[in-house]
């Protein structure tokens, strides 16, 4: 791999670009991981960028996080009878409050497992 440089003022900066890699969407968890890498894990960010693995990493984090969120939410729905469709029609506000609490709990787990590592 040959690295080319562009002169900006008195400095030569490397032209780092990504090749076409794995196709997929980068959701909010992938963007959060990217921001975390840029801010707190600069060496890992640079390494992934130079190896052209950053996009694959972010897509993987996005997919794994979304899968975990869906699994956790399904488990929460199965384990708590207050989240049934019947209760949703009877007391919608209570149902929405419980769903928001469970979603926040699931997102905290995702942040600890995939984002801030």
C-alpha atoms as a PDB file:
ATOM      1  CA  UNK A   1       0.000   0.000   0.000  1.00  0.00           C
ATOM      2  CA  UNK A   2       1.442   3.325  -1.055  1.00  0.00           C
ATOM      3  CA  UNK A   3       0.554   6.427   0.924  1.00  0.00           C
ATOM      4  CA  UNK A   4       0.438   9.732  -0.886  1.00  0.00           C
ATOM      5  CA  UNK A   5       0.713  13.122   0.760  1.00  0.00           C
ATOM      6  CA  UNK A   6      -0.799  16.524   0.147  1.00  0.00           C
ATOM      7  CA  UNK A   7       0.887  19.736   1.210  1.00  0.00           C
ATOM      8  CA  UNK A   8      -1.243  21.938   3.493  1.00  0.00           C
ATOM      9  CA  UNK A   9       0.697  25.053   4.408  1.00  0.00           C
ATOM     10  CA  UNK A  10       4.073  23.890   5.717  1.00  0.00           C
ATOM     11  CA  UNK A  11       2.926  20.323   6.399  1.00  0.00           C
ATOM     12  CA  UNK A  12       2.596  17.183   4.327  1.00  0.00           C
ATOM     13  CA  UNK A  13      -0.511  15.293   5.413  1.00  0.00           C
ATOM     14  CA  UNK A  14      -1.279  11.722   4.320  1.00  0.00           C
ATOM     15  CA  UNK A  15      -4.195  11.186   1.947  1.00  0.00           C
ATOM     16  CA  UNK A  16      -6.159   8.584   3.887  1.00  0.00           C
ATOM     17  CA  UNK A  17      -9.237   7.266   2.153  1.00  0.00           C
ATOM     18  CA  UNK A  18     -11.395   4.176   2.472  1.00  0.00           C
ATOM     19  CA  UNK A  19     -11.799   1.622  -0.265  1.00  0.00           C
ATOM     20  CA  UNK A  20     -15.156   0.097  -1.046  1.00  0.00           C
ATOM     21  CA  UNK A  21     -15.781  -2.393   1.736  1.00  0.00           C
ATOM     22  CA  UNK A  22     -18.634  -4.255   3.323  1.00  0.00           C
ATOM     23  CA  UNK A  23     -22.026  -2.776   2.531  1.00  0.00           C
ATOM     24  CA  UNK A  24     -24.311  -1.856   5.375  1.00  0.00           C
ATOM     25  CA  UNK A  25     -25.744   0.976   7.350  1.00  0.00           C
ATOM     26  CA  UNK A  26     -24.024   2.686  10.219  1.00  0.00           C
ATOM     27  CA  UNK A  27     -26.700   3.476  12.779  1.00  0.00           C
ATOM     28  CA  UNK A  28     -26.518   5.650  15.871  1.00  0.00           C
ATOM     29  CA  UNK A  29     -24.451   3.057  17.737  1.00  0.00           C
ATOM     30  CA  UNK A  30     -21.877   2.985  14.940  1.00  0.00           C
ATOM     31  CA  UNK A  31     -21.700   6.784  14.942  1.00  0.00           C
ATOM     32  CA  UNK A  32     -21.323   6.797  18.725  1.00  0.00           C
ATOM     33  CA  UNK A  33     -18.480   4.266  18.426  1.00  0.00           C
ATOM     34  CA  UNK A  34     -16.815   6.439  15.771  1.00  0.00           C
ATOM     35  CA  UNK A  35     -17.024   9.532  17.986  1.00  0.00           C
ATOM     36  CA  UNK A  36     -15.639   7.543  20.932  1.00  0.00           C
ATOM     37  CA  UNK A  37     -12.728   6.216  18.868  1.00  0.00           C
ATOM     38  CA  UNK A  38     -11.881   9.685  17.565  1.00  0.00           C
ATOM     39  CA  UNK A  39     -12.000  11.259  21.012  1.00  0.00           C
ATOM     40  CA  UNK A  40     -10.580   8.615  23.343  1.00  0.00           C
ATOM     41  CA  UNK A  41      -8.919   5.876  21.267  1.00  0.00           C
ATOM     42  CA  UNK A  42      -7.004   7.829  18.662  1.00  0.00           C
ATOM     43  CA  UNK A  43      -4.386   5.125  18.088  1.00  0.00           C
ATOM     44  CA  UNK A  44      -7.034   2.458  17.427  1.00  0.00           C
ATOM     45  CA  UNK A  45      -8.979   4.872  15.206  1.00  0.00           C
ATOM     46  CA  UNK A  46      -5.874   5.676  13.149  1.00  0.00           C
ATOM     47  CA  UNK A  47      -4.914   2.018  12.932  1.00  0.00           C
ATOM     48  CA  UNK A  48      -8.376   0.977  11.717  1.00  0.00           C
ATOM     49  CA  UNK A  49      -8.420   3.855   9.255  1.00  0.00           C
ATOM     50  CA  UNK A  50      -5.008   3.028   7.816  1.00  0.00           C
ATOM     51  CA  UNK A  51      -5.842  -0.690   7.537  1.00  0.00           C
ATOM     52  CA  UNK A  52      -9.094   0.308   5.818  1.00  0.00           C
ATOM     53  CA  UNK A  53     -11.078  -1.612   8.442  1.00  0.00           C
ATOM     54  CA  UNK A  54     -12.874   1.329  10.046  1.00  0.00           C
ATOM     55  CA  UNK A  55     -16.040   1.001   7.979  1.00  0.00           C
ATOM     56  CA  UNK A  56     -16.206  -2.747   8.580  1.00  0.00           C
ATOM     57  CA  UNK A  57     -15.739  -2.163  12.298  1.00  0.00           C
ATOM     58  CA  UNK A  58     -18.496   0.450  12.455  1.00  0.00           C
ATOM     59  CA  UNK A  59     -20.923  -1.688  10.443  1.00  0.00           C
ATOM     60  CA  UNK A  60     -20.166  -4.642  12.700  1.00  0.00           C
ATOM     61  CA  UNK A  61     -20.767  -2.569  15.841  1.00  0.00           C
ATOM     62  CA  UNK A  62     -24.008  -1.233  14.346  1.00  0.00           C
ATOM     63  CA  UNK A  63     -25.312  -4.684  13.450  1.00  0.00           C
ATOM     64  CA  UNK A  64     -24.299  -6.330  16.728  1.00  0.00           C
ATOM     65  CA  UNK A  65     -25.754  -3.485  18.781  1.00  0.00           C
ATOM     66  CA  UNK A  66     -29.046  -3.568  16.897  1.00  0.00           C
ATOM     67  CA  UNK A  67     -29.274  -7.352  17.253  1.00  0.00           C
ATOM     68  CA  UNK A  68     -28.599  -7.147  20.980  1.00  0.00           C
ATOM     69  CA  UNK A  69     -31.187  -4.382  21.400  1.00  0.00           C
ATOM     70  CA  UNK A  70     -33.834  -6.439  19.600  1.00  0.00           C
ATOM     71  CA  UNK A  71     -33.007  -9.555  21.613  1.00  0.00           C
ATOM     72  CA  UNK A  72     -33.105  -7.725  24.928  1.00  0.00           C
ATOM     73  CA  UNK A  73     -36.390  -5.998  24.109  1.00  0.00           C
ATOM     74  CA  UNK A  74     -38.000  -9.304  23.075  1.00  0.00           C
ATOM     75  CA  UNK A  75     -36.818 -10.905  26.316  1.00  0.00           C
ATOM     76  CA  UNK A  76     -38.178  -8.003  28.342  1.00  0.00           C
ATOM     77  CA  UNK A  77     -41.550  -8.270  26.584  1.00  0.00           C
ATOM     78  CA  UNK A  78     -41.737 -12.019  27.279  1.00  0.00           C
ATOM     79  CA  UNK A  79     -40.737 -11.717  30.922  1.00  0.00           C
ATOM     80  CA  UNK A  80     -43.048  -8.838  31.930  1.00  0.00           C
ATOM     81  CA  UNK A  81     -46.782  -9.417  31.522  1.00  0.00           C
ATOM     82  CA  UNK A  82     -47.390  -5.676  31.885  1.00  0.00           C
ATOM     83  CA  UNK A  83     -45.959  -5.260  28.359  1.00  0.00           C
ATOM     84  CA  UNK A  84     -48.673  -7.324  26.652  1.00  0.00           C
ATOM     85  CA  UNK A  85     -50.834  -5.919  23.867  1.00  0.00           C
ATOM     86  CA  UNK A  86     -53.849  -6.169  26.160  1.00  0.00           C
ATOM     87  CA  UNK A  87     -52.215  -3.892  28.735  1.00  0.00           C
ATOM     88  CA  UNK A  88     -51.058  -1.586  25.957  1.00  0.00           C
ATOM     89  CA  UNK A  89     -54.716  -0.926  25.064  1.00  0.00           C
ATOM     90  CA  UNK A  90     -55.861  -0.638  28.682  1.00  0.00           C
ATOM     91  CA  UNK A  91     -53.175   1.656  30.053  1.00  0.00           C
ATOM     92  CA  UNK A  92     -51.095   3.074  27.235  1.00  0.00           C
ATOM     93  CA  UNK A  93     -49.118   5.554  29.347  1.00  0.00           C
ATOM     94  CA  UNK A  94     -47.984   2.901  31.823  1.00  0.00           C
ATOM     95  CA  UNK A  95     -47.032   0.602  28.939  1.00  0.00           C
ATOM     96  CA  UNK A  96     -45.028   3.380  27.217  1.00  0.00           C
ATOM     97  CA  UNK A  97     -43.260   4.228  30.479  1.00  0.00           C
ATOM     98  CA  UNK A  98     -42.227   0.596  30.969  1.00  0.00           C
ATOM     99  CA  UNK A  99     -41.065   0.249  27.367  1.00  0.00           C
ATOM    100  CA  UNK A 100     -38.956   3.407  27.652  1.00  0.00           C
ATOM    101  CA  UNK A 101     -37.403   2.162  30.884  1.00  0.00           C
ATOM    102  CA  UNK A 102     -36.549  -1.200  29.335  1.00  0.00           C
ATOM    103  CA  UNK A 103     -35.158   0.447  26.206  1.00  0.00           C
ATOM    104  CA  UNK A 104     -32.953   2.745  28.295  1.00  0.00           C
ATOM    105  CA  UNK A 105     -31.698  -0.265  30.244  1.00  0.00           C
ATOM    106  CA  UNK A 106     -30.931  -2.136  27.014  1.00  0.00           C
ATOM    107  CA  UNK A 107     -29.111   0.875  25.576  1.00  0.00           C
ATOM    108  CA  UNK A 108     -26.954   1.160  28.699  1.00  0.00           C
ATOM    109  CA  UNK A 109     -25.956  -2.479  28.238  1.00  0.00           C
ATOM    110  CA  UNK A 110     -25.119  -1.822  24.574  1.00  0.00           C
ATOM    111  CA  UNK A 111     -23.000   1.204  25.471  1.00  0.00           C
ATOM    112  CA  UNK A 112     -20.971  -0.833  27.943  1.00  0.00           C
ATOM    113  CA  UNK A 113     -20.635  -3.856  25.644  1.00  0.00           C
ATOM    114  CA  UNK A 114     -19.957  -2.310  22.224  1.00  0.00           C
ATOM    115  CA  UNK A 115     -19.362   1.430  22.356  1.00  0.00           C
ATOM    116  CA  UNK A 116     -17.148   2.308  25.304  1.00  0.00           C
ATOM    117  CA  UNK A 117     -14.669  -0.562  25.188  1.00  0.00           C
END
